[in-house]
Amino acid sequence: MAIFNFKKKEIECKIVYYGPGRCGKTTNLEYIYKTYKKQVAGEMVSVDTQGDRTLFFDFLPMGLGKIKGCEVRVQLYTVPGQVQYSSTRKLVLRGVDGVVFVADSLQVRREKNMLSLKDLHQNLKEYGSSIFKIPLVMQHNKRDLAKQGLPLMSIEQMDRDLNRQLKVPSFSASAITGHGVGDTLKECLKLTLKAFKKEFK
């Protein structure tokens, strides 16, 4: 849920990167933090859990326009993907305004992608939100691994597995090289702001 700060003339919103363990959520945020340094307010905060991390920082998207005369400040978060951090994932989702679902393109991760999407669906439901209504963008990450000869799923198969019912924008990406990272974020910001404008009419 967006927070209005009339004193600072700012709207704070929250975008969460969700997905299975080691799919590239952290790499996405690290790339954004490094590449869009001028638009980052403050430091990146990392909360370490064994084998996975939760990261977050404030991001000021330039040129997206104002809402009700207020600038938009975005907080970007990742969730720990490992199964045992279910309660942390749910906590990070509280008050979320937009979601980037990062799917792992490796064939061996097919089931983990689907379980993680189901987990997102369930957690949103428990907060009275819906995966079908929240601004959501899908990212098919690790496409660069094809060059290393690793067996990847086709984009078509990933869309069938994860996006057949949702029909949300999806992007092919490599968080390591940065390919598709900016496009994914921009699309999620665009959808989130569109939802705000409807809400604050």
N, C-alpha and C. Protein backbone atom coordinates (compact mmCIF):
# COMPACT_ATOMS: atom_id res chain seq x y z
N MET A 1 0.84 -1.19 0.00
CA MET A 1 0.00 0.00 0.00
C MET A 1 0.88 1.25 0.00
N ALA A 2 0.68 2.10 -0.98
CA ALA A 2 1.50 3.32 -1.10
C ALA A 2 1.32 4.22 0.11
N ILE A 3 2.41 4.87 0.49
CA ILE A 3 2.36 5.78 1.64
C ILE A 3 2.56 7.20 1.14
N PHE A 4 1.62 8.09 1.48
CA PHE A 4 1.72 9.50 1.12
C PHE A 4 2.49 10.24 2.19
N ASN A 5 3.51 11.01 1.79
CA ASN A 5 4.20 11.87 2.73
C ASN A 5 4.00 13.30 2.21
N PHE A 6 2.95 13.96 2.71
CA PHE A 6 2.61 15.28 2.19
C PHE A 6 3.65 16.34 2.54
N LYS A 7 4.31 16.14 3.67
CA LYS A 7 5.36 17.07 4.10
C LYS A 7 6.48 17.12 3.07
N LYS A 8 6.94 15.93 2.66
CA LYS A 8 8.03 15.85 1.68
C LYS A 8 7.52 15.87 0.24
N LYS A 9 6.19 15.84 0.10
CA LYS A 9 5.56 15.75 -1.22
C LYS A 9 6.06 14.53 -1.98
N GLU A 10 5.95 13.39 -1.30
CA GLU A 10 6.42 12.13 -1.87
C GLU A 10 5.39 11.02 -1.67
N ILE A 11 5.38 10.11 -2.63
CA ILE A 11 4.61 8.88 -2.46
C ILE A 11 5.63 7.76 -2.39
N GLU A 12 5.54 6.95 -1.37
CA GLU A 12 6.46 5.81 -1.24
C GLU A 12 5.74 4.56 -1.68
N CYS A 13 6.36 3.82 -2.59
CA CYS A 13 5.75 2.55 -2.96
C CYS A 13 6.78 1.43 -2.87
N LYS A 14 6.29 0.21 -2.86
CA LYS A 14 7.16 -0.94 -2.59
C LYS A 14 7.04 -1.97 -3.71
N ILE A 15 8.19 -2.30 -4.30
CA ILE A 15 8.23 -3.34 -5.33
C ILE A 15 9.10 -4.48 -4.81
N VAL A 16 8.56 -5.68 -4.90
CA VAL A 16 9.26 -6.85 -4.37
C VAL A 16 9.65 -7.80 -5.51
N TYR A 17 10.91 -8.23 -5.49
CA TYR A 17 11.41 -9.25 -6.43
C TYR A 17 11.22 -10.60 -5.76
N TYR A 18 10.42 -11.44 -6.40
CA TYR A 18 10.01 -12.72 -5.81
C TYR A 18 10.46 -13.85 -6.73
N GLY A 19 10.72 -15.02 -6.18
CA GLY A 19 11.12 -16.16 -7.02
C GLY A 19 11.83 -17.21 -6.20
N PRO A 20 12.13 -18.35 -6.80
CA PRO A 20 12.78 -19.43 -6.06
C PRO A 20 14.21 -19.08 -5.66
N GLY A 21 14.79 -19.86 -4.76
CA GLY A 21 16.17 -19.63 -4.31
C GLY A 21 17.14 -19.65 -5.48
N ARG A 22 18.08 -18.74 -5.47
CA ARG A 22 19.18 -18.67 -6.46
C ARG A 22 18.72 -18.45 -7.90
N CYS A 23 17.56 -17.78 -8.07
CA CYS A 23 17.08 -17.53 -9.43
C CYS A 23 17.64 -16.23 -10.01
N GLY A 24 18.23 -15.38 -9.14
CA GLY A 24 18.82 -14.13 -9.63
C GLY A 24 18.15 -12.85 -9.12
N LYS A 25 17.35 -12.96 -8.06
CA LYS A 25 16.69 -11.77 -7.50
C LYS A 25 17.72 -10.77 -6.97
N THR A 26 18.65 -11.29 -6.17
CA THR A 26 19.69 -10.45 -5.58
C THR A 26 20.56 -9.83 -6.68
N THR A 27 20.89 -10.62 -7.70
CA THR A 27 21.72 -10.12 -8.81
C THR A 27 21.01 -9.00 -9.54
N ASN A 28 19.68 -9.11 -9.70
CA ASN A 28 18.89 -8.04 -10.30
C ASN A 28 19.05 -6.74 -9.52
N LEU A 29 18.85 -6.84 -8.20
CA LEU A 29 18.92 -5.63 -7.36
C LEU A 29 20.32 -5.05 -7.32
N GLU A 30 21.32 -5.92 -7.30
CA GLU A 30 22.71 -5.43 -7.29
C GLU A 30 23.02 -4.69 -8.59
N TYR A 31 22.52 -5.22 -9.69
CA TYR A 31 22.74 -4.57 -10.99
C TYR A 31 22.05 -3.20 -11.03
N ILE A 32 20.80 -3.14 -10.55
CA ILE A 32 20.05 -1.87 -10.54
C ILE A 32 20.76 -0.85 -9.65
N TYR A 33 21.19 -1.30 -8.48
CA TYR A 33 21.86 -0.43 -7.52
C TYR A 33 23.12 0.19 -8.12
N LYS A 34 23.88 -0.64 -8.84
CA LYS A 34 25.15 -0.20 -9.43
C LYS A 34 24.92 0.68 -10.66
N THR A 35 23.97 0.28 -11.50
CA THR A 35 23.76 0.96 -12.78
C THR A 35 23.02 2.28 -12.65
N TYR A 36 22.07 2.34 -11.72
CA TYR A 36 21.25 3.55 -11.56
C TYR A 36 21.63 4.28 -10.27
N LYS A 37 22.92 4.29 -9.98
CA LYS A 37 23.47 4.85 -8.74
C LYS A 37 22.90 6.26 -8.43
N LYS A 38 22.78 7.10 -9.46
CA LYS A 38 22.30 8.48 -9.25
C LYS A 38 20.87 8.52 -8.74
N GLN A 39 20.11 7.48 -9.02
CA GLN A 39 18.70 7.46 -8.61
C GLN A 39 18.48 6.71 -7.30
N VAL A 40 19.56 6.24 -6.72
CA VAL A 40 19.45 5.50 -5.47
C VAL A 40 19.64 6.44 -4.28
N ALA A 41 18.71 6.39 -3.35
CA ALA A 41 18.82 7.22 -2.14
C ALA A 41 19.28 6.32 -1.01
N GLY A 42 20.45 6.61 -0.47
CA GLY A 42 20.93 5.82 0.67
C GLY A 42 21.60 4.52 0.24
N GLU A 43 21.93 3.72 1.23
CA GLU A 43 22.68 2.48 1.01
C GLU A 43 21.77 1.30 0.75
N MET A 44 22.35 0.27 0.15
CA MET A 44 21.63 -0.99 0.02
C MET A 44 21.74 -1.73 1.35
N VAL A 45 20.62 -2.19 1.86
CA VAL A 45 20.63 -2.90 3.14
C VAL A 45 20.47 -4.38 2.86
N SER A 46 21.31 -5.17 3.48
CA SER A 46 21.27 -6.62 3.27
C SER A 46 21.02 -7.32 4.60
N VAL A 47 19.98 -8.13 4.64
CA VAL A 47 19.70 -8.94 5.83
C VAL A 47 20.04 -10.37 5.45
N ASP A 48 21.12 -10.90 6.02
CA ASP A 48 21.57 -12.24 5.64
C ASP A 48 20.83 -13.32 6.39
N THR A 49 20.34 -14.30 5.61
CA THR A 49 19.81 -15.51 6.20
C THR A 49 20.71 -16.60 5.65
N GLN A 50 20.80 -17.70 6.28
CA GLN A 50 21.73 -18.74 5.84
C GLN A 50 21.44 -19.17 4.41
N GLY A 51 22.41 -18.92 3.52
CA GLY A 51 22.28 -19.37 2.13
C GLY A 51 21.45 -18.46 1.24
N ASP A 52 20.88 -17.39 1.78
CA ASP A 52 20.09 -16.47 0.96
C ASP A 52 20.03 -15.11 1.66
N ARG A 53 19.65 -14.08 0.89
CA ARG A 53 19.63 -12.75 1.48
C ARG A 53 18.35 -11.99 1.14
N THR A 54 17.99 -11.07 2.01
CA THR A 54 16.94 -10.12 1.71
C THR A 54 17.64 -8.78 1.53
N LEU A 55 17.41 -8.15 0.39
CA LEU A 55 18.03 -6.85 0.13
C LEU A 55 16.95 -5.80 -0.04
N PHE A 56 17.26 -4.56 0.32
CA PHE A 56 16.34 -3.49 -0.04
C PHE A 56 17.06 -2.15 -0.09
N PHE A 57 16.54 -1.26 -0.93
CA PHE A 57 17.03 0.12 -0.99
C PHE A 57 15.98 1.01 -1.62
N ASP A 58 16.13 2.31 -1.43
CA ASP A 58 15.22 3.30 -2.01
C ASP A 58 15.69 3.69 -3.40
N PHE A 59 14.76 3.82 -4.30
CA PHE A 59 15.07 4.12 -5.69
C PHE A 59 14.16 5.26 -6.13
N LEU A 60 14.73 6.27 -6.77
CA LEU A 60 13.93 7.42 -7.21
C LEU A 60 13.83 7.40 -8.74
N PRO A 61 12.73 6.86 -9.28
CA PRO A 61 12.64 6.76 -10.74
C PRO A 61 12.40 8.11 -11.39
N MET A 62 13.39 8.60 -12.11
CA MET A 62 13.29 9.92 -12.74
C MET A 62 12.39 9.84 -13.98
N GLY A 63 11.71 10.92 -14.22
CA GLY A 63 10.96 11.05 -15.47
C GLY A 63 9.69 10.24 -15.54
N LEU A 64 9.23 9.72 -14.40
CA LEU A 64 7.97 8.95 -14.45
C LEU A 64 6.77 9.83 -14.15
N GLY A 65 7.04 11.10 -13.90
CA GLY A 65 5.93 12.02 -13.63
C GLY A 65 5.52 11.99 -12.17
N LYS A 66 4.63 12.94 -11.83
CA LYS A 66 4.18 13.05 -10.43
C LYS A 66 2.74 12.57 -10.32
N ILE A 67 2.39 12.20 -9.11
CA ILE A 67 1.00 11.85 -8.82
C ILE A 67 0.52 12.82 -7.75
N LYS A 68 -0.57 13.53 -8.07
CA LYS A 68 -1.12 14.53 -7.14
C LYS A 68 -0.02 15.51 -6.68
N GLY A 69 0.89 15.85 -7.59
CA GLY A 69 1.96 16.80 -7.27
C GLY A 69 3.09 16.22 -6.44
N CYS A 70 3.06 14.90 -6.22
CA CYS A 70 4.09 14.25 -5.39
C CYS A 70 5.07 13.45 -6.24
N GLU A 71 6.36 13.51 -5.84
CA GLU A 71 7.38 12.66 -6.47
C GLU A 71 7.16 11.22 -6.00
N VAL A 72 7.65 10.28 -6.78
CA VAL A 72 7.50 8.88 -6.40
C VAL A 72 8.85 8.33 -5.92
N ARG A 73 8.84 7.75 -4.74
CA ARG A 73 10.03 7.08 -4.20
C ARG A 73 9.70 5.60 -4.10
N VAL A 74 10.56 4.78 -4.68
CA VAL A 74 10.29 3.35 -4.73
C VAL A 74 11.25 2.60 -3.82
N GLN A 75 10.71 1.71 -3.01
CA GLN A 75 11.56 0.82 -2.22
C GLN A 75 11.60 -0.53 -2.93
N LEU A 76 12.81 -0.97 -3.28
CA LEU A 76 12.97 -2.25 -3.96
C LEU A 76 13.43 -3.30 -2.96
N TYR A 77 12.77 -4.42 -2.95
CA TYR A 77 13.07 -5.51 -2.01
C TYR A 77 13.27 -6.82 -2.77
N THR A 78 14.08 -7.72 -2.19
CA THR A 78 14.08 -9.11 -2.63
C THR A 78 13.61 -9.96 -1.46
N VAL A 79 13.11 -11.15 -1.78
CA VAL A 79 12.76 -12.08 -0.70
C VAL A 79 13.73 -13.25 -0.74
N PRO A 80 14.00 -13.89 0.40
CA PRO A 80 14.82 -15.10 0.36
C PRO A 80 13.99 -16.22 -0.30
N GLY A 81 14.58 -16.92 -1.25
CA GLY A 81 13.82 -17.88 -2.03
C GLY A 81 13.69 -19.26 -1.40
N GLN A 82 14.64 -19.62 -0.53
CA GLN A 82 14.62 -20.98 0.02
C GLN A 82 13.33 -21.27 0.79
N VAL A 83 12.90 -22.51 0.67
CA VAL A 83 11.62 -22.95 1.24
C VAL A 83 11.48 -22.62 2.73
N GLN A 84 12.58 -22.77 3.48
CA GLN A 84 12.48 -22.58 4.94
C GLN A 84 12.23 -21.12 5.37
N TYR A 85 12.34 -20.18 4.42
CA TYR A 85 12.14 -18.77 4.79
C TYR A 85 10.75 -18.26 4.43
N SER A 86 9.79 -19.14 4.48
CA SER A 86 8.41 -18.82 4.12
C SER A 86 7.86 -17.61 4.89
N SER A 87 8.10 -17.57 6.21
CA SER A 87 7.54 -16.47 7.01
C SER A 87 8.21 -15.14 6.67
N THR A 88 9.52 -15.17 6.33
CA THR A 88 10.23 -13.94 5.94
C THR A 88 9.67 -13.42 4.62
N ARG A 89 9.44 -14.34 3.68
CA ARG A 89 8.88 -13.94 2.38
C ARG A 89 7.54 -13.26 2.56
N LYS A 90 6.73 -13.85 3.40
CA LYS A 90 5.39 -13.30 3.63
C LYS A 90 5.48 -11.90 4.25
N LEU A 91 6.41 -11.75 5.18
CA LEU A 91 6.61 -10.47 5.86
C LEU A 91 7.05 -9.38 4.89
N VAL A 92 7.99 -9.73 3.99
CA VAL A 92 8.49 -8.76 3.01
C VAL A 92 7.38 -8.31 2.06
N LEU A 93 6.41 -9.19 1.80
CA LEU A 93 5.30 -8.87 0.89
C LEU A 93 4.27 -7.92 1.49
N ARG A 94 4.33 -7.71 2.79
CA ARG A 94 3.33 -6.85 3.43
C ARG A 94 3.37 -5.43 2.82
N GLY A 95 2.22 -4.96 2.39
CA GLY A 95 2.13 -3.61 1.83
C GLY A 95 2.75 -3.46 0.46
N VAL A 96 2.91 -4.57 -0.27
CA VAL A 96 3.55 -4.51 -1.59
C VAL A 96 2.64 -3.82 -2.62
N ASP A 97 3.25 -3.06 -3.53
CA ASP A 97 2.49 -2.36 -4.58
C ASP A 97 2.71 -2.97 -5.96
N GLY A 98 3.85 -3.63 -6.15
CA GLY A 98 4.16 -4.25 -7.44
C GLY A 98 5.14 -5.40 -7.23
N VAL A 99 5.07 -6.40 -8.12
CA VAL A 99 5.94 -7.58 -7.97
C VAL A 99 6.64 -7.90 -9.28
N VAL A 100 7.94 -8.23 -9.16
CA VAL A 100 8.68 -8.81 -10.29
C VAL A 100 8.92 -10.27 -9.91
N PHE A 101 8.36 -11.19 -10.71
CA PHE A 101 8.61 -12.60 -10.44
C PHE A 101 9.79 -13.04 -11.30
N VAL A 102 10.88 -13.44 -10.64
CA VAL A 102 12.09 -13.86 -11.35
C VAL A 102 12.09 -15.39 -11.44
N ALA A 103 11.99 -15.88 -12.68
CA ALA A 103 11.97 -17.33 -12.90
C ALA A 103 13.33 -17.78 -13.41
N ASP A 104 13.75 -18.94 -12.98
CA ASP A 104 15.04 -19.51 -13.37
C ASP A 104 14.86 -20.33 -14.65
N SER A 105 15.64 -20.00 -15.68
CA SER A 105 15.48 -20.67 -16.98
C SER A 105 16.04 -22.08 -17.04
N LEU A 106 16.85 -22.47 -16.06
CA LEU A 106 17.43 -23.82 -16.08
C LEU A 106 16.32 -24.88 -15.99
N GLN A 107 16.42 -25.88 -16.85
CA GLN A 107 15.39 -26.93 -16.89
C GLN A 107 15.17 -27.58 -15.53
N VAL A 108 16.27 -27.77 -14.78
CA VAL A 108 16.17 -28.45 -13.48
C VAL A 108 15.39 -27.63 -12.44
N ARG A 109 15.14 -26.35 -12.74
CA ARG A 109 14.44 -25.48 -11.78
C ARG A 109 12.96 -25.29 -12.12
N ARG A 110 12.49 -26.05 -13.09
CA ARG A 110 11.10 -25.87 -13.56
C ARG A 110 10.09 -25.95 -12.41
N GLU A 111 10.20 -27.02 -11.64
CA GLU A 111 9.25 -27.24 -10.55
C GLU A 111 9.36 -26.16 -9.47
N LYS A 112 10.61 -25.77 -9.18
CA LYS A 112 10.83 -24.73 -8.15
C LYS A 112 10.18 -23.40 -8.56
N ASN A 113 10.25 -23.06 -9.86
CA ASN A 113 9.58 -21.85 -10.36
C ASN A 113 8.08 -21.90 -10.07
N MET A 114 7.48 -23.06 -10.42
CA MET A 114 6.02 -23.19 -10.26
C MET A 114 5.60 -23.17 -8.80
N LEU A 115 6.40 -23.80 -7.94
CA LEU A 115 6.10 -23.79 -6.51
C LEU A 115 6.21 -22.39 -5.92
N SER A 116 7.21 -21.65 -6.39
CA SER A 116 7.42 -20.28 -5.89
C SER A 116 6.28 -19.35 -6.31
N LEU A 117 5.78 -19.54 -7.55
CA LEU A 117 4.66 -18.72 -8.02
C LEU A 117 3.39 -19.03 -7.21
N LYS A 118 3.22 -20.30 -6.90
CA LYS A 118 2.08 -20.73 -6.08
C LYS A 118 2.17 -20.11 -4.69
N ASP A 119 3.39 -20.06 -4.16
CA ASP A 119 3.68 -19.47 -2.85
C ASP A 119 3.34 -17.96 -2.85
N LEU A 120 3.71 -17.28 -3.94
CA LEU A 120 3.40 -15.85 -4.08
C LEU A 120 1.88 -15.66 -4.08
N HIS A 121 1.20 -16.46 -4.87
CA HIS A 121 -0.26 -16.41 -4.99
C HIS A 121 -0.92 -16.55 -3.61
N GLN A 122 -0.45 -17.55 -2.85
CA GLN A 122 -1.00 -17.83 -1.52
C GLN A 122 -0.72 -16.69 -0.54
N ASN A 123 0.52 -16.20 -0.53
CA ASN A 123 0.89 -15.12 0.40
C ASN A 123 0.12 -13.83 0.12
N LEU A 124 -0.08 -13.50 -1.15
CA LEU A 124 -0.85 -12.29 -1.50
C LEU A 124 -2.29 -12.44 -1.03
N LYS A 125 -2.82 -13.64 -1.24
CA LYS A 125 -4.21 -13.95 -0.84
C LYS A 125 -4.40 -13.72 0.65
N GLU A 126 -3.39 -14.14 1.44
CA GLU A 126 -3.49 -13.99 2.89
C GLU A 126 -3.46 -12.52 3.33
N TYR A 127 -2.95 -11.65 2.45
CA TYR A 127 -2.97 -10.20 2.74
C TYR A 127 -4.19 -9.53 2.11
N GLY A 128 -5.10 -10.35 1.57
CA GLY A 128 -6.31 -9.80 0.95
C GLY A 128 -6.05 -9.22 -0.43
N SER A 129 -4.93 -9.60 -1.04
CA SER A 129 -4.58 -9.12 -2.38
C SER A 129 -4.70 -10.28 -3.36
N SER A 130 -4.59 -9.98 -4.65
CA SER A 130 -4.71 -11.04 -5.65
C SER A 130 -3.59 -10.97 -6.67
N ILE A 131 -3.03 -12.12 -7.00
CA ILE A 131 -1.96 -12.20 -8.00
C ILE A 131 -2.48 -11.73 -9.36
N PHE A 132 -3.81 -11.80 -9.55
CA PHE A 132 -4.41 -11.39 -10.83
C PHE A 132 -4.65 -9.88 -10.91
N LYS A 133 -4.58 -9.20 -9.76
CA LYS A 133 -4.87 -7.77 -9.75
C LYS A 133 -3.65 -6.89 -9.48
N ILE A 134 -2.65 -7.45 -8.79
CA ILE A 134 -1.47 -6.65 -8.43
C ILE A 134 -0.61 -6.41 -9.67
N PRO A 135 0.02 -5.22 -9.80
CA PRO A 135 0.96 -5.02 -10.92
C PRO A 135 2.08 -6.07 -10.83
N LEU A 136 2.19 -6.88 -11.88
CA LEU A 136 3.12 -8.02 -11.86
C LEU A 136 3.82 -8.15 -13.21
N VAL A 137 5.12 -8.36 -13.15
CA VAL A 137 5.92 -8.57 -14.36
C VAL A 137 6.74 -9.84 -14.14
N MET A 138 6.87 -10.63 -15.20
CA MET A 138 7.62 -11.87 -15.12
C MET A 138 8.97 -11.70 -15.82
N GLN A 139 10.01 -12.22 -15.20
CA GLN A 139 11.34 -12.17 -15.82
C GLN A 139 11.89 -13.59 -15.96
N HIS A 140 12.22 -13.97 -17.20
CA HIS A 140 12.84 -15.28 -17.44
C HIS A 140 14.35 -15.07 -17.41
N ASN A 141 14.94 -15.35 -16.29
CA ASN A 141 16.34 -15.01 -16.05
C ASN A 141 17.30 -16.15 -16.46
N LYS A 142 18.59 -15.78 -16.50
CA LYS A 142 19.70 -16.71 -16.79
C LYS A 142 19.73 -17.20 -18.25
N ARG A 143 19.20 -16.39 -19.17
CA ARG A 143 19.21 -16.80 -20.58
C ARG A 143 20.63 -16.92 -21.11
N ASP A 144 21.59 -16.25 -20.46
CA ASP A 144 22.99 -16.28 -20.90
C ASP A 144 23.62 -17.67 -20.74
N LEU A 145 23.03 -18.50 -19.89
CA LEU A 145 23.62 -19.82 -19.61
C LEU A 145 23.55 -20.78 -20.80
N ALA A 146 22.75 -20.42 -21.79
CA ALA A 146 22.67 -21.26 -23.00
C ALA A 146 24.04 -21.32 -23.68
N LYS A 147 24.78 -20.21 -23.58
CA LYS A 147 26.12 -20.15 -24.20
C LYS A 147 27.09 -21.12 -23.53
N GLN A 148 26.79 -21.45 -22.29
CA GLN A 148 27.65 -22.41 -21.57
C GLN A 148 27.19 -23.86 -21.79
N GLY A 149 26.20 -24.01 -22.67
CA GLY A 149 25.72 -25.36 -22.99
C GLY A 149 24.82 -25.98 -21.95
N LEU A 150 24.32 -25.15 -21.03
CA LEU A 150 23.43 -25.70 -19.99
C LEU A 150 22.00 -25.81 -20.54
N PRO A 151 21.29 -26.88 -20.18
CA PRO A 151 19.93 -27.05 -20.73
C PRO A 151 18.93 -26.06 -20.12
N LEU A 152 18.42 -25.17 -20.99
CA LEU A 152 17.44 -24.17 -20.56
C LEU A 152 16.07 -24.51 -21.12
N MET A 153 15.04 -24.05 -20.43
CA MET A 153 13.68 -24.17 -20.96
C MET A 153 13.50 -23.08 -22.01
N SER A 154 12.62 -23.33 -22.97
CA SER A 154 12.33 -22.29 -23.96
C SER A 154 11.44 -21.24 -23.28
N ILE A 155 11.46 -20.03 -23.83
CA ILE A 155 10.61 -18.95 -23.31
C ILE A 155 9.14 -19.38 -23.39
N GLU A 156 8.79 -20.06 -24.51
CA GLU A 156 7.41 -20.51 -24.71
C GLU A 156 6.97 -21.46 -23.59
N GLN A 157 7.88 -22.37 -23.24
CA GLN A 157 7.53 -23.32 -22.18
C GLN A 157 7.36 -22.61 -20.84
N MET A 158 8.27 -21.65 -20.56
CA MET A 158 8.18 -20.91 -19.29
C MET A 158 6.90 -20.10 -19.21
N ASP A 159 6.51 -19.51 -20.35
CA ASP A 159 5.26 -18.76 -20.38
C ASP A 159 4.05 -19.68 -20.18
N ARG A 160 4.14 -20.90 -20.75
CA ARG A 160 3.05 -21.87 -20.56
C ARG A 160 2.95 -22.28 -19.10
N ASP A 161 4.10 -22.54 -18.49
CA ASP A 161 4.14 -22.97 -17.08
C ASP A 161 3.65 -21.89 -16.12
N LEU A 162 4.09 -20.66 -16.37
CA LEU A 162 3.93 -19.62 -15.35
C LEU A 162 2.97 -18.50 -15.72
N ASN A 163 2.75 -18.30 -17.01
CA ASN A 163 2.06 -17.07 -17.41
C ASN A 163 0.80 -17.30 -18.23
N ARG A 164 0.41 -18.57 -18.35
CA ARG A 164 -0.74 -18.87 -19.21
C ARG A 164 -2.02 -18.21 -18.69
N GLN A 165 -2.23 -18.27 -17.37
CA GLN A 165 -3.44 -17.66 -16.80
C GLN A 165 -3.24 -16.18 -16.48
N LEU A 166 -2.03 -15.84 -16.05
CA LEU A 166 -1.78 -14.46 -15.60
C LEU A 166 -1.73 -13.46 -16.76
N LYS A 167 -1.11 -13.89 -17.87
CA LYS A 167 -0.96 -13.04 -19.06
C LYS A 167 -0.37 -11.66 -18.73
N VAL A 168 0.72 -11.67 -17.96
CA VAL A 168 1.40 -10.41 -17.59
C VAL A 168 2.60 -10.21 -18.53
N PRO A 169 3.14 -8.98 -18.60
CA PRO A 169 4.34 -8.78 -19.44
C PRO A 169 5.48 -9.66 -18.95
N SER A 170 6.23 -10.25 -19.90
CA SER A 170 7.38 -11.07 -19.51
C SER A 170 8.61 -10.67 -20.31
N PHE A 171 9.76 -10.79 -19.66
CA PHE A 171 11.03 -10.37 -20.28
C PHE A 171 12.07 -11.46 -20.17
N SER A 172 12.79 -11.63 -21.25
CA SER A 172 13.95 -12.52 -21.27
C SER A 172 15.11 -11.73 -20.67
N ALA A 173 15.89 -12.34 -19.78
CA ALA A 173 16.91 -11.54 -19.09
C ALA A 173 18.14 -12.35 -18.67
N SER A 174 19.19 -11.59 -18.38
CA SER A 174 20.37 -12.13 -17.72
C SER A 174 20.80 -11.09 -16.70
N ALA A 175 20.50 -11.35 -15.42
CA ALA A 175 20.80 -10.37 -14.37
C ALA A 175 22.30 -10.14 -14.23
N ILE A 176 23.11 -11.15 -14.57
CA ILE A 176 24.57 -11.04 -14.48
C ILE A 176 25.09 -10.01 -15.48
N THR A 177 24.57 -10.05 -16.72
CA THR A 177 25.04 -9.11 -17.75
C THR A 177 24.22 -7.82 -17.75
N GLY A 178 23.03 -7.88 -17.13
CA GLY A 178 22.16 -6.70 -17.10
C GLY A 178 21.11 -6.72 -18.21
N HIS A 179 21.21 -7.70 -19.13
CA HIS A 179 20.25 -7.77 -20.23
C HIS A 179 18.83 -7.97 -19.68
N GLY A 180 17.92 -7.07 -20.04
CA GLY A 180 16.51 -7.20 -19.64
C GLY A 180 16.18 -6.73 -18.23
N VAL A 181 17.21 -6.38 -17.45
CA VAL A 181 16.97 -5.98 -16.05
C VAL A 181 16.25 -4.63 -15.97
N GLY A 182 16.76 -3.64 -16.70
CA GLY A 182 16.14 -2.31 -16.71
C GLY A 182 14.73 -2.34 -17.29
N ASP A 183 14.54 -3.12 -18.37
CA ASP A 183 13.22 -3.22 -19.01
C ASP A 183 12.19 -3.82 -18.06
N THR A 184 12.60 -4.84 -17.33
CA THR A 184 11.70 -5.49 -16.36
C THR A 184 11.26 -4.49 -15.30
N LEU A 185 12.23 -3.77 -14.73
CA LEU A 185 11.92 -2.81 -13.68
C LEU A 185 11.03 -1.68 -14.20
N LYS A 186 11.38 -1.14 -15.38
CA LYS A 186 10.58 -0.04 -15.95
C LYS A 186 9.13 -0.44 -16.16
N GLU A 187 8.93 -1.65 -16.66
CA GLU A 187 7.56 -2.13 -16.90
C GLU A 187 6.80 -2.27 -15.59
N CYS A 188 7.46 -2.78 -14.56
CA CYS A 188 6.81 -2.94 -13.26
C CYS A 188 6.46 -1.57 -12.66
N LEU A 189 7.38 -0.61 -12.79
CA LEU A 189 7.12 0.76 -12.30
C LEU A 189 5.94 1.38 -13.04
N LYS A 190 5.91 1.18 -14.35
CA LYS A 190 4.84 1.74 -15.19
C LYS A 190 3.47 1.19 -14.76
N LEU A 191 3.41 -0.13 -14.56
CA LEU A 191 2.14 -0.76 -14.14
C LEU A 191 1.73 -0.32 -12.74
N THR A 192 2.72 -0.18 -11.86
CA THR A 192 2.45 0.23 -10.47
C THR A 192 1.91 1.65 -10.43
N LEU A 193 2.54 2.55 -11.20
CA LEU A 193 2.09 3.95 -11.22
C LEU A 193 0.72 4.08 -11.87
N LYS A 194 0.46 3.26 -12.87
CA LYS A 194 -0.85 3.25 -13.53
C LYS A 194 -1.93 2.87 -12.52
N ALA A 195 -1.61 1.86 -11.69
CA ALA A 195 -2.55 1.41 -10.65
C ALA A 195 -2.78 2.52 -9.62
N PHE A 196 -1.72 3.25 -9.27
CA PHE A 196 -1.84 4.37 -8.32
C PHE A 196 -2.76 5.45 -8.86
N LYS A 197 -2.54 5.79 -10.12
CA LYS A 197 -3.33 6.87 -10.74
C LYS A 197 -4.82 6.54 -10.71
N LYS A 198 -5.14 5.27 -10.91
CA LYS A 198 -6.53 4.83 -10.83
C LYS A 198 -7.06 4.99 -9.40
N GLU A 199 -6.20 4.57 -8.46
CA GLU A 199 -6.56 4.59 -7.04
C GLU A 199 -6.77 6.00 -6.52
N PHE A 200 -5.94 6.94 -6.99
CA PHE A 200 -5.98 8.30 -6.44
C PHE A 200 -6.72 9.29 -7.32
N LYS A 201 -7.56 8.81 -8.18
CA LYS A 201 -8.35 9.70 -9.07
C LYS A 201 -9.26 10.58 -8.25
